Protein backbone atom coordinates (compact mmCIF):
# COMPACT_ATOMS: atom_id res chain seq x y z
CA MET A 1 -42.35 -98.36 -137.50
CA PRO A 2 -43.98 -100.74 -135.01
CA ARG A 3 -44.51 -99.46 -131.49
CA ARG A 4 -43.95 -101.88 -128.62
CA LEU A 5 -46.31 -101.59 -125.70
CA VAL A 6 -45.65 -103.24 -122.34
CA ARG A 7 -49.06 -103.72 -120.74
CA SER A 8 -50.58 -101.68 -123.55
CA ARG A 9 -52.30 -98.58 -122.26
CA LEU A 10 -54.97 -96.52 -123.85
CA ARG A 11 -55.87 -93.55 -121.59
CA ALA A 12 -59.01 -94.66 -119.84
CA LEU A 13 -61.40 -91.79 -120.60
CA GLY A 14 -64.80 -92.15 -122.20
CA VAL A 15 -68.56 -92.00 -122.29
CA ALA A 16 -69.09 -95.10 -120.19
CA ILE A 17 -67.34 -94.21 -116.93
CA ALA A 18 -67.95 -94.82 -113.26
CA LEU A 19 -70.12 -92.26 -111.51
CA LEU A 20 -68.07 -90.42 -108.93
CA VAL A 21 -68.65 -91.15 -105.25
CA SER A 22 -68.50 -88.37 -102.70
CA GLY A 23 -68.16 -88.48 -98.96
CA ALA A 24 -65.54 -88.88 -96.27
CA CYS A 25 -63.78 -92.01 -95.14
CA GLU A 26 -63.67 -92.62 -91.41
CA PRO A 27 -60.44 -94.19 -90.13
CA GLY A 28 -60.81 -97.15 -87.85
CA ASP A 29 -60.84 -96.89 -84.07
CA GLY A 30 -58.22 -98.27 -81.74
CA ALA A 31 -54.45 -98.06 -81.49
CA GLN A 32 -52.72 -97.30 -84.74
CA VAL A 33 -50.09 -99.70 -86.08
CA ALA A 34 -46.94 -98.37 -87.73
CA ALA A 35 -47.13 -98.30 -91.51
CA ALA A 36 -45.40 -101.13 -93.35
CA SER A 37 -42.81 -100.02 -95.88
CA GLY A 38 -43.49 -101.11 -99.44
CA ARG A 39 -46.20 -101.04 -102.09
CA TYR A 40 -49.87 -100.35 -101.30
CA VAL A 41 -52.26 -101.29 -104.10
CA GLY A 42 -55.82 -100.06 -104.18
CA SER A 43 -58.55 -98.27 -106.04
CA PRO A 44 -58.29 -95.61 -107.27
CA VAL A 45 -55.02 -94.81 -105.44
CA SER A 46 -51.83 -96.89 -105.18
CA PHE A 47 -48.45 -95.78 -103.80
CA ARG A 48 -45.21 -96.85 -102.13
CA ILE A 49 -44.13 -96.03 -98.57
CA ALA A 50 -40.42 -95.57 -97.91
CA GLY A 51 -39.80 -94.51 -94.33
CA GLU A 52 -41.98 -91.46 -93.73
CA THR A 53 -42.60 -90.67 -97.39
CA LEU A 54 -45.31 -91.74 -99.85
CA THR A 55 -43.99 -91.93 -103.41
CA ASP A 56 -44.59 -93.63 -106.76
CA PHE A 57 -48.30 -92.81 -106.88
CA ARG A 58 -50.66 -94.42 -109.38
CA LEU A 59 -54.13 -92.94 -109.90
CA SER A 60 -56.63 -95.17 -111.69
CA GLY A 61 -60.02 -93.87 -112.77
CA ILE A 62 -59.98 -90.47 -111.07
CA GLU A 63 -61.95 -88.26 -113.40
CA CYS A 64 -64.35 -85.34 -113.49
CA ARG A 65 -67.49 -85.47 -115.60
CA ILE A 66 -70.24 -82.95 -116.33
CA PRO A 67 -73.28 -84.85 -117.70
CA HIS A 68 -75.66 -83.50 -120.30
CA PRO A 69 -78.80 -82.24 -118.49
CA LEU A 70 -81.10 -84.30 -120.76
CA ASN A 71 -79.06 -87.49 -120.99
CA GLU A 72 -76.66 -88.63 -118.28
CA ALA A 73 -74.93 -90.98 -120.73
CA VAL A 74 -73.70 -87.92 -122.66
CA ALA A 75 -70.77 -86.05 -121.14
CA LEU A 76 -70.50 -82.32 -121.81
CA CYS A 77 -67.06 -82.49 -120.24
CA LEU A 78 -64.84 -85.38 -119.19
CA VAL A 79 -61.33 -84.90 -117.80
CA ARG A 80 -59.16 -87.63 -116.28
CA ALA A 81 -56.36 -87.13 -113.79
CA PRO A 82 -52.85 -88.23 -114.85
CA GLY A 83 -52.25 -91.90 -114.14
CA VAL A 84 -48.72 -91.30 -112.84
CA PRO A 85 -48.62 -87.91 -111.09
CA GLU A 86 -45.37 -86.33 -110.01
CA GLY A 87 -44.65 -85.62 -106.36
CA ALA A 88 -44.41 -87.20 -102.93
CA LEU A 89 -46.30 -86.73 -99.66
CA ALA A 90 -45.02 -86.84 -96.09
CA LEU A 91 -46.40 -89.36 -93.60
CA SER A 92 -46.71 -88.04 -90.06
CA GLY A 93 -48.24 -89.95 -87.19
CA GLY A 94 -49.81 -92.41 -89.61
CA SER A 95 -51.64 -89.78 -91.66
CA PHE A 96 -50.90 -87.61 -94.67
CA SER A 97 -52.45 -84.80 -96.68
CA GLY A 98 -51.34 -82.94 -99.77
CA ALA A 99 -51.71 -82.37 -103.48
CA LEU A 100 -50.39 -84.17 -106.53
CA GLY A 101 -51.06 -81.64 -109.25
CA ASP A 102 -54.83 -81.12 -109.42
CA VAL A 103 -55.57 -84.09 -107.16
CA ALA A 104 -55.67 -83.53 -103.39
CA LEU A 105 -55.26 -86.63 -101.22
CA ASP A 106 -55.59 -87.27 -97.53
CA GLY A 107 -55.53 -90.52 -95.67
CA VAL A 108 -54.54 -92.71 -92.78
CA VAL A 109 -52.15 -95.67 -92.91
CA ASP A 110 -52.73 -98.25 -90.17
CA GLY A 111 -50.32 -101.16 -90.40
CA THR A 112 -50.97 -102.80 -93.77
CA THR A 113 -54.15 -100.95 -94.72
CA ALA A 114 -54.74 -97.39 -95.85
CA SER A 115 -57.80 -95.32 -96.69
CA GLY A 116 -58.83 -91.75 -97.25
CA THR A 117 -60.41 -89.30 -99.67
CA TRP A 118 -59.46 -87.64 -102.94
CA ARG A 119 -60.57 -84.41 -104.61
CA PHE A 120 -59.96 -83.55 -108.25
CA GLU A 121 -60.32 -79.90 -109.30
CA THR A 122 -59.76 -79.19 -112.97
CA ALA A 123 -61.06 -77.21 -115.93
CA CYS A 124 -62.95 -78.46 -118.97
CA PRO A 125 -61.65 -77.70 -122.48
CA GLY A 126 -64.12 -74.82 -122.64
CA GLY A 127 -62.85 -73.35 -119.36
CA GLU A 128 -65.70 -74.54 -117.12
CA ALA A 129 -64.69 -75.60 -113.60
CA CYS A 130 -65.12 -79.28 -112.76
CA VAL A 131 -64.78 -80.78 -109.28
CA ALA A 132 -65.05 -84.43 -108.29
CA GLU A 133 -64.30 -86.24 -105.05
CA GLY A 134 -64.47 -89.71 -103.62
CA GLU A 135 -62.93 -92.30 -101.35
CA TRP A 136 -59.96 -94.62 -101.77
CA GLU A 137 -58.64 -97.75 -100.09
CA ALA A 138 -55.34 -99.61 -100.48
CA ASP A 139 -53.65 -102.65 -98.96
CA PHE A 140 -49.99 -103.50 -98.49
CA VAL A 141 -48.80 -106.05 -101.05
CA ALA A 142 -45.49 -107.74 -100.32
CA ASP A 143 -42.97 -107.61 -103.14
CA ALA A 144 -45.53 -105.97 -105.43
CA THR A 145 -44.56 -104.33 -108.68
CA PRO A 146 -46.33 -101.05 -109.41
CA PRO A 147 -48.61 -101.25 -112.45
CA ASP A 148 -47.74 -99.42 -115.61
CA GLY A 149 -49.65 -96.21 -116.02
CA GLY A 150 -49.97 -93.00 -117.90
CA ASP A 151 -47.98 -89.83 -117.57
CA ALA A 152 -48.87 -86.26 -116.81
CA SER A 153 -49.14 -85.36 -120.46
CA THR A 154 -51.26 -88.22 -121.73
CA GLY A 155 -53.65 -89.37 -119.03
CA GLY A 156 -54.40 -92.50 -117.07
CA ASP A 157 -54.00 -96.24 -117.17
CA LEU A 158 -55.46 -98.67 -119.63
CA PRO A 159 -58.65 -100.10 -118.19
CA VAL A 160 -57.43 -103.57 -119.14
CA GLY A 161 -53.71 -104.36 -118.94
CA VAL A 162 -52.49 -107.11 -121.22
CA ASP A 163 -50.99 -110.01 -119.31
CA GLY A 164 -50.38 -113.22 -121.20
CA ALA A 165 -50.79 -113.83 -124.90
CA ALA A 166 -53.80 -112.22 -126.50
CA ASP A 167 -54.91 -115.61 -127.74
CA PRO A 168 -58.23 -115.30 -129.60
CA GLY A 169 -58.56 -119.04 -130.16
CA PRO A 170 -61.51 -121.06 -128.87
CA LEU A 171 -59.51 -123.28 -126.53
CA GLY A 172 -59.40 -122.05 -122.95
CA GLY A 173 -58.13 -123.18 -119.60
CA GLY A 174 -54.69 -123.11 -118.06
CA ASP A 175 -53.40 -121.17 -115.09
CA GLN A 176 -52.58 -117.81 -116.61
CA GLY A 177 -52.38 -115.58 -113.57
CA PRO A 178 -51.26 -111.98 -113.36
CA GLY A 179 -47.64 -111.12 -113.89
CA PRO A 180 -45.34 -109.08 -116.11
CA ALA A 181 -46.98 -108.52 -119.48
CA PRO A 182 -45.21 -109.49 -122.68
CA ASP A 183 -44.62 -106.89 -125.34
CA VAL A 184 -47.54 -106.43 -127.69
CA VAL A 185 -46.46 -105.28 -131.11
CA VAL A 186 -48.74 -102.52 -132.37
CA PRO A 187 -48.05 -101.69 -136.02
CA GLU A 188 -48.20 -98.05 -136.98
CA PRO A 189 -51.62 -97.84 -138.69
CA THR A 190 -52.00 -96.79 -142.29
CA VAL A 191 -54.05 -93.60 -142.65
CA PRO A 192 -55.10 -91.74 -145.78
CA THR A 193 -53.38 -88.62 -147.03
CA GLY A 194 -54.89 -85.61 -145.33
CA ALA A 195 -55.91 -87.41 -142.14
CA SER A 196 -56.04 -85.03 -139.19
CA ASP A 197 -53.93 -85.43 -136.07
CA GLU A 198 -57.01 -86.66 -134.20
CA GLN A 199 -57.87 -89.17 -136.91
CA ILE A 200 -54.30 -90.49 -136.63
CA GLU A 201 -54.63 -90.56 -132.83
CA ALA A 202 -57.84 -92.58 -133.11
CA ALA A 203 -56.16 -94.98 -135.55
CA ARG A 204 -53.31 -95.61 -133.11
CA ALA A 205 -55.74 -96.24 -130.26
CA LEU A 206 -57.80 -98.67 -132.34
CA ALA A 207 -54.63 -100.41 -133.53
CA ALA A 208 -53.62 -101.01 -129.89
CA ILE A 209 -57.04 -102.49 -129.09
CA ARG A 210 -57.05 -104.82 -132.08
CA ALA A 211 -53.45 -105.90 -131.52
CA ALA A 212 -54.36 -106.81 -127.94
CA VAL A 213 -57.18 -109.10 -129.10
CA GLY A 214 -55.13 -110.58 -131.94
CA LEU A 215 -56.94 -108.93 -134.86
CA PRO A 216 -55.48 -107.10 -137.86
CA MET A 217 -55.99 -103.39 -138.27
CA PRO A 218 -58.65 -102.39 -140.83
CA GLU A 219 -58.01 -99.67 -143.36
CA GLN A 220 -58.89 -96.10 -142.45
CA ILE A 221 -60.07 -94.46 -145.67
CA ALA A 222 -60.61 -90.85 -146.63
CA GLY A 223 -64.26 -91.18 -147.65
CA ILE A 224 -65.32 -92.68 -144.32
CA ASN A 225 -63.24 -90.12 -142.42
CA ALA A 226 -65.10 -87.42 -144.35
CA ALA A 227 -68.51 -88.94 -143.58
CA ALA A 228 -67.74 -89.31 -139.87
CA GLN A 229 -66.22 -85.83 -139.64
CA ALA A 230 -69.18 -84.21 -141.38
CA HIS A 231 -71.64 -85.90 -139.04
CA ALA A 232 -69.66 -84.91 -135.92
CA GLU A 233 -69.69 -81.30 -137.12
CA TYR A 234 -73.40 -81.50 -137.95
CA TYR A 235 -74.24 -82.79 -134.47
CA VAL A 236 -72.36 -80.08 -132.54
CA ALA A 237 -73.79 -77.39 -134.84
CA HIS A 238 -77.36 -78.53 -134.10
CA VAL A 239 -77.02 -79.93 -130.56
CA ALA A 240 -79.78 -77.69 -129.17
CA GLN A 241 -82.17 -78.84 -131.90
CA TYR A 242 -81.28 -82.49 -131.24
CA SER A 243 -82.16 -82.01 -127.56
CA ALA A 244 -85.41 -80.19 -128.27
CA ALA A 245 -86.56 -82.71 -130.89
CA HIS A 246 -85.28 -85.79 -128.99
CA LEU A 247 -83.66 -86.90 -132.25
CA SER A 248 -81.16 -89.75 -132.12
CA PRO A 249 -77.59 -88.42 -132.46
CA HIS A 250 -77.06 -90.96 -135.25
CA GLU A 251 -79.65 -89.29 -137.47
CA GLU A 252 -79.68 -86.01 -139.39
CA ASN A 253 -82.76 -83.95 -140.18
CA PRO A 254 -83.06 -82.36 -143.65
CA ALA A 255 -85.13 -79.62 -142.00
CA TRP A 256 -81.84 -78.48 -140.45
CA PRO A 257 -79.97 -78.01 -143.74
CA GLU A 258 -76.69 -76.53 -142.52
CA GLY A 259 -74.10 -79.30 -142.98
CA TYR A 260 -76.69 -81.97 -143.82
CA THR A 261 -75.15 -84.97 -145.64
CA GLY A 262 -77.70 -87.76 -145.13
CA ALA A 263 -80.33 -89.05 -142.73
CA SER A 264 -78.45 -92.23 -141.76
CA ALA A 265 -74.81 -93.25 -141.58
CA GLY A 266 -75.34 -95.35 -144.71
CA ASP A 267 -76.68 -92.33 -146.57
CA ARG A 268 -73.73 -90.25 -145.43
CA LEU A 269 -71.24 -92.88 -146.61
CA VAL A 270 -72.88 -92.97 -150.04
CA ALA A 271 -72.66 -89.17 -150.18
CA GLN A 272 -68.87 -89.51 -149.83
CA GLY A 273 -68.66 -92.11 -152.60
CA VAL A 274 -68.37 -95.09 -150.26
CA THR A 275 -70.36 -98.29 -150.86
CA PRO A 276 -71.46 -99.06 -147.30
CA GLY A 277 -72.48 -102.74 -147.37
CA PHE A 278 -72.72 -103.83 -143.72
CA TRP A 279 -72.03 -100.63 -141.81
CA SER A 280 -72.17 -99.50 -138.18
CA GLU A 281 -71.75 -96.23 -136.36
CA VAL A 282 -70.80 -95.42 -132.77
CA MET A 283 -70.77 -91.99 -131.17
CA ALA A 284 -69.35 -90.47 -128.01
CA PHE A 285 -69.29 -86.99 -126.54
CA THR A 286 -65.98 -86.65 -124.70
CA GLY A 287 -63.92 -84.14 -126.67
CA SER A 288 -61.02 -86.58 -127.17
CA ALA A 289 -60.20 -89.25 -129.75
CA GLU A 290 -58.67 -91.75 -127.33
CA ALA A 291 -61.20 -90.88 -124.63
CA SER A 292 -64.01 -91.97 -126.90
CA LEU A 293 -62.37 -95.29 -127.79
CA ASP A 294 -61.63 -96.07 -124.14
CA GLY A 295 -65.24 -95.33 -123.25
CA TRP A 296 -66.64 -97.48 -126.04
CA MET A 297 -64.45 -100.38 -124.92
CA GLU A 298 -66.08 -100.38 -121.47
CA THR A 299 -69.55 -100.80 -123.00
CA LEU A 300 -71.32 -103.76 -124.59
CA TYR A 301 -72.96 -102.62 -127.82
CA HIS A 302 -70.42 -99.92 -128.73
CA ARG A 303 -67.50 -102.30 -128.15
CA GLU A 304 -68.71 -104.93 -130.62
CA PRO A 305 -67.87 -103.11 -133.89
CA LEU A 306 -64.40 -102.10 -132.65
CA VAL A 307 -63.31 -105.70 -131.99
CA HIS A 308 -65.27 -107.29 -134.82
CA PRO A 309 -63.13 -109.66 -136.94
CA ASN A 310 -65.01 -108.55 -140.07
CA MET A 311 -64.22 -104.85 -139.71
CA VAL A 312 -62.35 -103.99 -142.94
CA ARG A 313 -62.73 -100.22 -143.42
CA TRP A 314 -63.44 -97.38 -141.05
CA GLY A 315 -63.17 -93.67 -140.41
CA PHE A 316 -63.21 -91.23 -137.51
CA GLY A 317 -64.56 -87.73 -136.98
CA ILE A 318 -64.44 -85.32 -134.06
CA ALA A 319 -65.91 -81.85 -133.55
CA ARG A 320 -66.36 -79.27 -130.81
CA ALA A 321 -68.54 -76.17 -130.62
CA GLY A 322 -68.94 -74.39 -127.30
CA GLN A 323 -69.73 -77.07 -124.73
CA ALA A 324 -70.85 -79.57 -127.38
CA ARG A 325 -68.55 -82.47 -128.24
CA ALA A 326 -68.96 -85.36 -130.65
CA GLU A 327 -66.81 -88.26 -131.82
CA VAL A 328 -67.95 -90.65 -134.55
CA ILE A 329 -66.63 -93.95 -135.89
CA ASP A 330 -68.25 -95.30 -139.02
CA SER A 331 -67.11 -98.80 -139.98
CA ILE A 332 -67.81 -101.37 -142.68
CA ASN A 333 -67.78 -105.13 -142.23
CA GLY A 334 -66.75 -107.37 -145.11
CA GLN A 335 -68.02 -110.80 -146.07
CA VAL A 336 -64.73 -112.26 -144.80
CA SER A 337 -62.40 -111.30 -141.96
CA ALA A 338 -60.15 -108.27 -141.97
CA THR A 339 -57.32 -110.37 -143.43
CA GLY A 340 -59.22 -110.41 -146.71
CA SER A 341 -58.10 -114.00 -147.15
CA GLY A 342 -61.14 -115.77 -145.81
CA ALA A 343 -59.03 -117.14 -142.94
CA ASP A 344 -61.09 -117.42 -139.77
CA LEU A 345 -60.28 -114.95 -136.99
CA GLY A 346 -61.45 -114.71 -133.44
CA PRO A 347 -63.28 -114.88 -131.28
CA ALA A 348 -61.91 -111.60 -129.94
CA LEU A 349 -61.92 -111.77 -126.14
CA TRP A 350 -62.23 -108.69 -123.92
CA PRO A 351 -60.82 -108.50 -121.34
CA VAL A 352 -58.09 -110.45 -123.09
CA ARG A 353 -56.92 -113.80 -121.79
CA GLY A 354 -54.90 -113.24 -118.61
CA ALA A 355 -55.77 -109.53 -118.41
CA THR A 356 -54.90 -107.63 -115.24
CA GLU A 357 -56.05 -104.25 -113.91
CA VAL A 358 -59.60 -104.91 -115.12
CA PRO A 359 -62.08 -102.45 -113.57
CA THR A 360 -64.31 -103.94 -110.89
CA ARG A 361 -67.46 -102.12 -112.02
CA TRP A 362 -69.34 -100.46 -114.83
CA ASP A 363 -72.18 -97.99 -114.43
CA GLY A 364 -74.19 -98.88 -117.49
CA LEU A 365 -73.82 -95.52 -119.22
CA GLU A 366 -74.76 -96.68 -122.69
CA THR A 367 -77.75 -96.16 -124.95
CA PRO A 368 -79.35 -98.63 -125.30
CA LYS A 369 -78.55 -99.75 -121.76
CA PRO A 370 -77.67 -103.46 -121.44
CA PRO A 371 -80.44 -105.25 -119.54
CA LEU A 372 -80.47 -106.41 -115.94
CA PRO A 373 -83.21 -108.52 -114.35
CA ALA A 374 -85.89 -107.02 -112.13
CA GLY A 375 -84.50 -106.03 -108.76
CA GLN A 376 -80.97 -105.46 -110.08
CA SER A 377 -79.46 -102.09 -110.90
CA TYR A 378 -76.20 -100.57 -112.00
CA PRO A 379 -73.29 -100.46 -111.25
CA SER A 380 -72.58 -103.95 -112.53
CA GLY A 381 -69.35 -105.82 -112.99
CA PRO A 382 -67.27 -105.13 -116.11
CA ILE A 383 -68.59 -106.25 -119.47
CA VAL A 384 -66.89 -109.47 -120.65
CA THR A 385 -67.28 -110.42 -124.32
CA ALA A 386 -66.30 -112.88 -127.03
CA THR A 387 -66.91 -111.55 -130.55
CA PHE A 388 -66.99 -113.88 -133.57
CA GLU A 389 -66.98 -113.44 -137.32
CA ARG A 390 -70.48 -112.68 -138.51
CA SER A 391 -70.49 -115.62 -140.94
CA HIS A 392 -70.81 -118.04 -138.01
CA ALA A 393 -74.15 -119.36 -136.76
CA LEU A 394 -74.00 -118.91 -132.99
CA SER A 395 -76.01 -120.51 -130.22
CA LEU A 396 -75.07 -119.94 -126.58
CA ALA A 397 -76.20 -122.58 -124.08
CA GLU A 398 -74.69 -121.07 -120.95
CA GLY A 399 -72.21 -118.55 -119.64
CA SER A 400 -70.67 -118.32 -116.20
CA LEU A 401 -68.30 -116.25 -114.11
CA ARG A 402 -66.52 -117.92 -111.17
CA ASP A 403 -64.43 -116.56 -108.32
CA PRO A 404 -61.16 -118.14 -107.07
CA ALA A 405 -63.12 -120.52 -104.80
CA GLY A 406 -65.03 -121.81 -107.81
CA GLU A 407 -68.27 -120.17 -106.69
CA THR A 408 -70.55 -118.89 -109.44
CA VAL A 409 -70.96 -115.12 -109.48
CA PRO A 410 -74.58 -114.08 -110.25
CA ALA A 411 -74.41 -112.55 -113.70
CA GLN A 412 -76.35 -111.49 -116.79
CA VAL A 413 -75.66 -113.42 -120.00
CA GLN A 414 -76.43 -111.84 -123.40
CA SER A 415 -76.04 -113.17 -126.93
CA PRO A 416 -77.76 -112.86 -130.33
CA ASP A 417 -80.18 -115.48 -129.00
CA ASN A 418 -81.74 -113.02 -126.53
CA ASP A 419 -80.45 -109.58 -127.55
CA PRO A 420 -81.47 -107.90 -130.82
CA TYR A 421 -78.62 -105.39 -130.52
CA LEU A 422 -75.91 -108.07 -130.68
CA THR A 423 -74.89 -109.68 -133.96
CA SER A 424 -71.78 -111.73 -133.21
CA THR A 425 -71.04 -111.49 -129.49
CA TRP A 426 -71.48 -113.56 -126.35
CA ALA A 427 -71.41 -111.38 -123.22
CA ILE A 428 -71.55 -111.74 -119.46
CA TYR A 429 -71.47 -109.17 -116.66
CA ALA A 430 -71.97 -109.63 -112.94
CA TYR A 431 -75.05 -108.09 -111.35
CA ALA A 432 -72.84 -106.28 -108.82
CA PRO A 433 -69.27 -104.92 -108.90
CA LEU A 434 -66.55 -107.54 -108.58
CA ALA A 435 -64.03 -107.80 -105.76
CA ALA A 436 -60.76 -105.92 -106.20
CA ARG A 437 -57.49 -107.70 -106.98
CA THR A 438 -59.31 -110.98 -107.62
CA ARG A 439 -58.94 -113.54 -110.41
CA TYR A 440 -62.13 -114.58 -112.19
CA THR A 441 -62.79 -117.36 -114.69
CA VAL A 442 -65.14 -116.84 -117.63
CA THR A 443 -66.81 -119.76 -119.39
CA PHE A 444 -69.05 -119.75 -122.45
CA HIS A 445 -70.52 -123.03 -123.70
CA GLY A 446 -72.46 -123.12 -126.94
CA GLN A 447 -72.37 -124.01 -130.58
CA VAL A 448 -70.57 -122.34 -133.48
CA ASP A 449 -71.85 -123.53 -136.86
CA GLY A 450 -73.37 -126.52 -135.07
CA ALA A 451 -70.08 -127.57 -133.44
CA ASP A 452 -69.88 -127.77 -129.66
CA THR A 453 -67.65 -124.91 -128.48
CA LEU A 454 -66.20 -124.16 -125.04
CA LEU A 455 -64.46 -120.86 -124.30
CA THR A 456 -62.79 -120.32 -120.95
CA TRP A 457 -60.25 -117.77 -119.80
CA GLU A 458 -59.24 -115.72 -116.77
CA PHE A 459 -58.76 -112.08 -115.86
CA THR A 460 -57.81 -110.24 -112.68
CA THR A 461 -59.41 -107.07 -111.36
CA ARG A 462 -57.46 -104.01 -110.30
C-alpha cells in the first residue's frame, strides 16, 4: 500500500554530518524583556512558550559522533537525538534549565530572542558512552507552525522538507515560498524474497528520496543485495587490516581470503550472477540503514547515484562487528531511464523545488572531498544539485546562488566539465554556511544536448 508523507522525513543521520560545536552561550547584558508567548524557531532547538512553560520542542541535527581515528569522515558511532522529544520545561525569570530525555537544555529568553546551550549524553550501539554539546539560538516567529519532525522511536527531522511540487522539469521560476507541504505519495517498494528488515528499511528510505525528486523506484534484486551484504561483512571483518594497509573500503584483497568475493564492486556483482554494466558503489559507516542514506544525501558524489534517473537495479548491505560498521549500496544504471520506456526523466533537483528546512551548512565529510578554492575551508553551505540522465551531453556555462535581496552568494560550481567524479550532475555550494530561515534562488545556465537550458528554483533554510 502507498504511504503518504507530509513533508517527507527521513531521519537525518549519516556519514556527512555537521561537526559538533562546544562552548557556552553568554546572554546579553541589560534589562531583560518578558518572553513573548508563541513559537520560537531556531537551530538546532525550536519550541513554543505558553505562559511560563516551554513545550512542543523540536530538535534538529543534535547528534553524537565518534570519528574513526584514521579517517574523520568515517564514524565509529553516530547517534541522533529524537526530533520531537517528550516533555516540557519551566520558564522562571526569563531562564530555564532541564532535560528532555538524553538532551539537557538551558537558556535565556529575552523578549523575542532566545539562546543557550545543549548537551547530549547517549550510548553507542556497542555500549560506548558518547557526549556532545553545543549552542542554540531561536527567534520568535508570529503565527508560526511548528515543523514536522521525528519521534522518540525513529529519530530526527528530514534534512530537506518537501514544500511545493517535486517538479523535476527544466523550467524554473515562480514564487514558491515555504508553506504547508503537499502529500508526497511514496509507493511501498518491491523487494526480493528473503530481503532482511534492514534491506527493506533502506528500500523505503530510498523510495522516499526518489518520490520527492519525481523519479521512479528502481528494482532491489537479490543478487545485488547479496553482493552488497557480502562486502559489508568483509569490510567489518577486516577493518583493522584496511586501516593498516590504507586500502580503499571499496576494494577487497585476495590476501585476506575470509569472505572474499571480488576485488571491485563489479567483480562482486559478477560473483553473484549479476551482469553489472554501468555500476556504482557507495559506502557509509553509521550502523543504520536510514542513517547511511541521509548522510549520503548531504554529500555531492555519494548523492549522485541515489538520485540518478538511470538507476534501474540496486541492492543494500549492512554489517556490524565490535565497533566497526559498514553500509553498502551497489547500483546499476541502464541505457534508458528507470521507467524502462526511454522516456526522459529529470533533472532530479536536490533540495527539491520549494524545499524548506534545508540545513544551512555542510562540513565536507566525504571522500573524495568536494573542492573549494584556495583560502576557503569547510563548513560550506549545503550541496545543491541537478542530476540528469547520463545519455545527455552536458555543458554548464554558469551557476549562481542568490539571497532574497538578489545578491550573489560566493559559491563553488562543479559539473562534469571540471570534476572527474561527476558524470551527470551540476552542483553549487556556498563557500560559507548560509543564513538561517532564508530563501535562496538557484540558477544553472548551460546546454543539454546542444540546447540552451536554464534551471532555476528556490529553497529555504531551517
